[in-house]
N, C-alpha and C. Protein backbone atom coordinates (compact mmCIF):
# COMPACT_ATOMS: atom_id res chain seq x y z
N MET A 1 28.26 -2.84 -22.06
CA MET A 1 28.84 -1.66 -22.67
C MET A 1 29.89 -2.02 -23.71
N ARG A 2 30.39 -3.23 -23.70
CA ARG A 2 31.42 -3.61 -24.67
C ARG A 2 30.92 -3.55 -26.11
N ASN A 3 29.68 -3.88 -26.32
CA ASN A 3 29.15 -3.93 -27.68
C ASN A 3 28.64 -2.58 -28.18
N LYS A 4 28.67 -1.58 -27.34
CA LYS A 4 28.17 -0.26 -27.71
C LYS A 4 29.31 0.66 -28.10
N LYS A 5 29.04 1.50 -29.08
CA LYS A 5 30.00 2.52 -29.49
C LYS A 5 29.72 3.80 -28.72
N ARG A 6 30.76 4.58 -28.47
CA ARG A 6 30.62 5.85 -27.77
C ARG A 6 30.69 6.99 -28.78
N TYR A 7 29.81 7.98 -28.63
CA TYR A 7 29.76 9.12 -29.53
C TYR A 7 29.86 10.41 -28.75
N ALA A 8 30.50 11.40 -29.32
CA ALA A 8 30.53 12.74 -28.75
C ALA A 8 29.47 13.57 -29.45
N VAL A 9 28.62 14.22 -28.68
CA VAL A 9 27.54 15.04 -29.23
C VAL A 9 27.70 16.45 -28.67
N VAL A 10 27.76 17.42 -29.54
CA VAL A 10 27.86 18.82 -29.13
C VAL A 10 26.48 19.43 -29.28
N ILE A 11 25.98 20.00 -28.19
CA ILE A 11 24.64 20.60 -28.19
C ILE A 11 24.79 22.11 -28.03
N ASP A 12 24.11 22.83 -28.88
CA ASP A 12 24.13 24.29 -28.84
C ASP A 12 22.70 24.75 -28.62
N THR A 13 22.47 25.52 -27.58
CA THR A 13 21.12 26.00 -27.29
C THR A 13 21.19 27.41 -26.72
N TYR A 14 20.09 28.10 -26.77
CA TYR A 14 19.99 29.44 -26.18
C TYR A 14 19.16 29.34 -24.91
N VAL A 15 19.56 30.06 -23.88
CA VAL A 15 18.75 30.24 -22.69
C VAL A 15 18.54 31.74 -22.51
N TYR A 16 17.38 32.10 -22.06
CA TYR A 16 17.07 33.50 -21.82
C TYR A 16 17.06 33.74 -20.33
N ALA A 17 17.90 34.67 -19.87
CA ALA A 17 18.04 34.94 -18.45
C ALA A 17 18.25 36.44 -18.24
N ASP A 18 17.97 36.88 -17.02
CA ASP A 18 18.12 38.30 -16.69
C ASP A 18 19.57 38.71 -16.46
N ASN A 19 20.41 37.74 -16.06
CA ASN A 19 21.80 38.09 -15.76
C ASN A 19 22.68 36.85 -15.90
N ASP A 20 23.98 37.03 -15.71
CA ASP A 20 24.95 35.94 -15.87
C ASP A 20 24.69 34.80 -14.89
N TYR A 21 24.37 35.15 -13.66
CA TYR A 21 24.13 34.13 -12.63
C TYR A 21 23.00 33.19 -13.05
N MET A 22 21.89 33.77 -13.50
CA MET A 22 20.74 32.95 -13.88
C MET A 22 21.04 32.14 -15.15
N ALA A 23 21.82 32.69 -16.07
CA ALA A 23 22.21 31.94 -17.27
C ALA A 23 23.06 30.73 -16.90
N ARG A 24 24.00 30.92 -15.97
CA ARG A 24 24.81 29.79 -15.51
C ARG A 24 23.96 28.75 -14.81
N LYS A 25 23.03 29.20 -13.98
CA LYS A 25 22.15 28.29 -13.26
C LYS A 25 21.31 27.47 -14.22
N MET A 26 20.73 28.12 -15.23
CA MET A 26 19.90 27.42 -16.21
C MET A 26 20.73 26.43 -17.02
N ALA A 27 21.93 26.82 -17.40
CA ALA A 27 22.79 25.93 -18.19
C ALA A 27 23.13 24.66 -17.40
N HIS A 28 23.42 24.82 -16.13
CA HIS A 28 23.76 23.65 -15.32
C HIS A 28 22.53 22.79 -15.02
N ASN A 29 21.35 23.40 -14.95
CA ASN A 29 20.13 22.60 -14.80
C ASN A 29 19.89 21.75 -16.04
N ILE A 30 20.14 22.32 -17.21
CA ILE A 30 20.01 21.56 -18.46
C ILE A 30 21.02 20.43 -18.49
N LYS A 31 22.25 20.72 -18.07
CA LYS A 31 23.30 19.69 -18.05
C LYS A 31 22.91 18.51 -17.19
N ARG A 32 22.29 18.79 -16.04
CA ARG A 32 21.90 17.71 -15.13
C ARG A 32 20.82 16.81 -15.72
N THR A 33 20.00 17.34 -16.63
CA THR A 33 18.92 16.54 -17.20
C THR A 33 19.39 15.64 -18.34
N ILE A 34 20.59 15.87 -18.85
CA ILE A 34 21.11 15.06 -19.95
C ILE A 34 21.68 13.76 -19.38
N ASN A 35 21.25 12.65 -19.96
CA ASN A 35 21.76 11.35 -19.52
C ASN A 35 23.03 11.03 -20.28
N GLY A 36 24.15 11.20 -19.64
CA GLY A 36 25.44 10.91 -20.23
C GLY A 36 26.50 10.83 -19.15
N ASP A 37 27.59 10.18 -19.45
CA ASP A 37 28.62 9.98 -18.44
C ASP A 37 29.42 11.24 -18.12
N HIS A 38 29.88 11.92 -19.14
CA HIS A 38 30.79 13.04 -18.93
C HIS A 38 30.24 14.31 -19.58
N THR A 39 29.04 14.68 -19.19
CA THR A 39 28.44 15.90 -19.72
C THR A 39 29.11 17.09 -19.07
N ARG A 40 29.48 18.06 -19.87
CA ARG A 40 30.13 19.25 -19.32
C ARG A 40 29.73 20.48 -20.13
N ILE A 41 29.87 21.62 -19.51
CA ILE A 41 29.61 22.89 -20.18
C ILE A 41 30.96 23.45 -20.58
N ILE A 42 31.13 23.67 -21.86
CA ILE A 42 32.41 24.11 -22.39
C ILE A 42 32.51 25.63 -22.43
N GLU A 43 31.41 26.29 -22.77
CA GLU A 43 31.46 27.74 -22.95
C GLU A 43 30.06 28.30 -22.80
N ILE A 44 29.94 29.50 -22.24
CA ILE A 44 28.68 30.24 -22.19
C ILE A 44 28.98 31.63 -22.70
N ASN A 45 28.20 32.06 -23.70
CA ASN A 45 28.37 33.38 -24.29
C ASN A 45 27.08 34.17 -24.20
N GLU A 46 27.21 35.47 -23.96
CA GLU A 46 26.06 36.36 -24.06
C GLU A 46 25.95 36.75 -25.53
N CYS A 47 24.80 36.50 -26.15
CA CYS A 47 24.59 36.74 -27.57
C CYS A 47 23.34 37.59 -27.77
N PRO A 48 23.46 38.90 -27.73
CA PRO A 48 22.27 39.73 -27.92
C PRO A 48 21.64 39.47 -29.29
N PHE A 49 20.32 39.49 -29.32
CA PHE A 49 19.59 39.25 -30.55
C PHE A 49 19.96 40.31 -31.60
N ALA A 50 20.16 39.88 -32.82
CA ALA A 50 20.45 40.75 -33.97
C ALA A 50 21.75 41.54 -33.80
N SER A 51 22.70 40.98 -33.08
CA SER A 51 23.98 41.64 -32.88
C SER A 51 25.10 40.65 -33.19
N ILE A 52 26.17 41.16 -33.78
CA ILE A 52 27.31 40.28 -34.03
C ILE A 52 28.30 40.29 -32.87
N GLU A 53 28.03 41.14 -31.89
CA GLU A 53 28.88 41.22 -30.70
C GLU A 53 28.47 40.15 -29.69
N THR A 54 29.43 39.37 -29.22
CA THR A 54 29.16 38.39 -28.17
C THR A 54 30.15 38.61 -27.03
N ARG A 55 29.80 38.09 -25.85
CA ARG A 55 30.66 38.22 -24.70
C ARG A 55 30.73 36.87 -24.00
N ALA A 56 31.92 36.32 -23.87
CA ALA A 56 32.11 35.05 -23.18
C ALA A 56 32.11 35.30 -21.68
N LEU A 57 31.38 34.48 -20.93
CA LEU A 57 31.39 34.58 -19.48
C LEU A 57 32.71 34.04 -18.95
N ASP A 58 33.31 34.78 -18.04
CA ASP A 58 34.57 34.34 -17.44
C ASP A 58 34.36 33.15 -16.52
N ASP A 59 33.27 33.18 -15.77
CA ASP A 59 32.98 32.09 -14.83
C ASP A 59 31.80 31.29 -15.37
N ILE A 60 32.05 30.04 -15.77
CA ILE A 60 30.97 29.20 -16.29
C ILE A 60 30.66 28.06 -15.31
N GLY A 61 31.23 28.13 -14.13
CA GLY A 61 30.99 27.11 -13.13
C GLY A 61 29.57 27.18 -12.59
N GLU A 62 29.13 26.08 -11.99
CA GLU A 62 27.78 26.04 -11.43
C GLU A 62 27.72 26.94 -10.21
N PRO A 63 26.74 27.83 -10.15
CA PRO A 63 26.62 28.70 -8.98
C PRO A 63 26.33 27.88 -7.73
N THR A 64 26.99 28.22 -6.65
CA THR A 64 26.74 27.54 -5.39
C THR A 64 25.93 28.47 -4.50
N PRO A 65 24.90 27.94 -3.88
CA PRO A 65 24.10 28.80 -2.99
C PRO A 65 24.92 29.22 -1.78
N THR A 66 24.71 30.42 -1.34
CA THR A 66 25.40 30.87 -0.14
C THR A 66 24.84 30.12 1.06
N SER A 67 25.65 29.95 2.07
CA SER A 67 25.22 29.17 3.23
C SER A 67 24.11 29.87 4.00
N LYS A 68 24.15 31.20 4.06
CA LYS A 68 23.13 31.92 4.80
C LYS A 68 22.89 33.25 4.12
N TRP A 69 21.63 33.55 3.82
CA TRP A 69 21.29 34.78 3.15
C TRP A 69 21.06 35.87 4.18
N THR A 70 21.57 37.06 3.87
CA THR A 70 21.32 38.22 4.72
C THR A 70 20.68 39.31 3.88
N ASN A 71 20.18 40.33 4.51
CA ASN A 71 19.55 41.43 3.78
C ASN A 71 20.56 42.23 2.96
N ASN A 72 21.84 42.09 3.23
CA ASN A 72 22.88 42.82 2.50
C ASN A 72 23.31 42.09 1.24
N ASP A 73 22.95 40.82 1.08
CA ASP A 73 23.34 40.04 -0.09
C ASP A 73 22.55 40.49 -1.32
N PRO A 74 23.19 40.50 -2.50
CA PRO A 74 22.45 40.84 -3.72
C PRO A 74 21.49 39.72 -4.10
N LEU A 75 20.38 40.11 -4.67
CA LEU A 75 19.40 39.13 -5.11
C LEU A 75 19.82 38.56 -6.46
N PRO A 76 19.55 37.29 -6.75
CA PRO A 76 19.99 36.67 -8.00
C PRO A 76 19.10 37.01 -9.19
N PHE A 77 18.15 37.91 -9.03
CA PHE A 77 17.26 38.24 -10.15
C PHE A 77 17.13 39.72 -10.31
């Protein structure tokens, strides 16, 4: 690693999801497939097509599955 240079690469992509939960899940799945030491998600925004209005998600953390699903829990889709 001494002879190699380190570079910062910013990747911008769109994911299509039904809701915020699924968008976060897809973003973190993409992050896991990238081979890099310190890959992180900096921001997730809802960007409707043909609109200048965007909405930043407050929670961009990776969704954690609940320990036990019950019939009262909301579905993620």
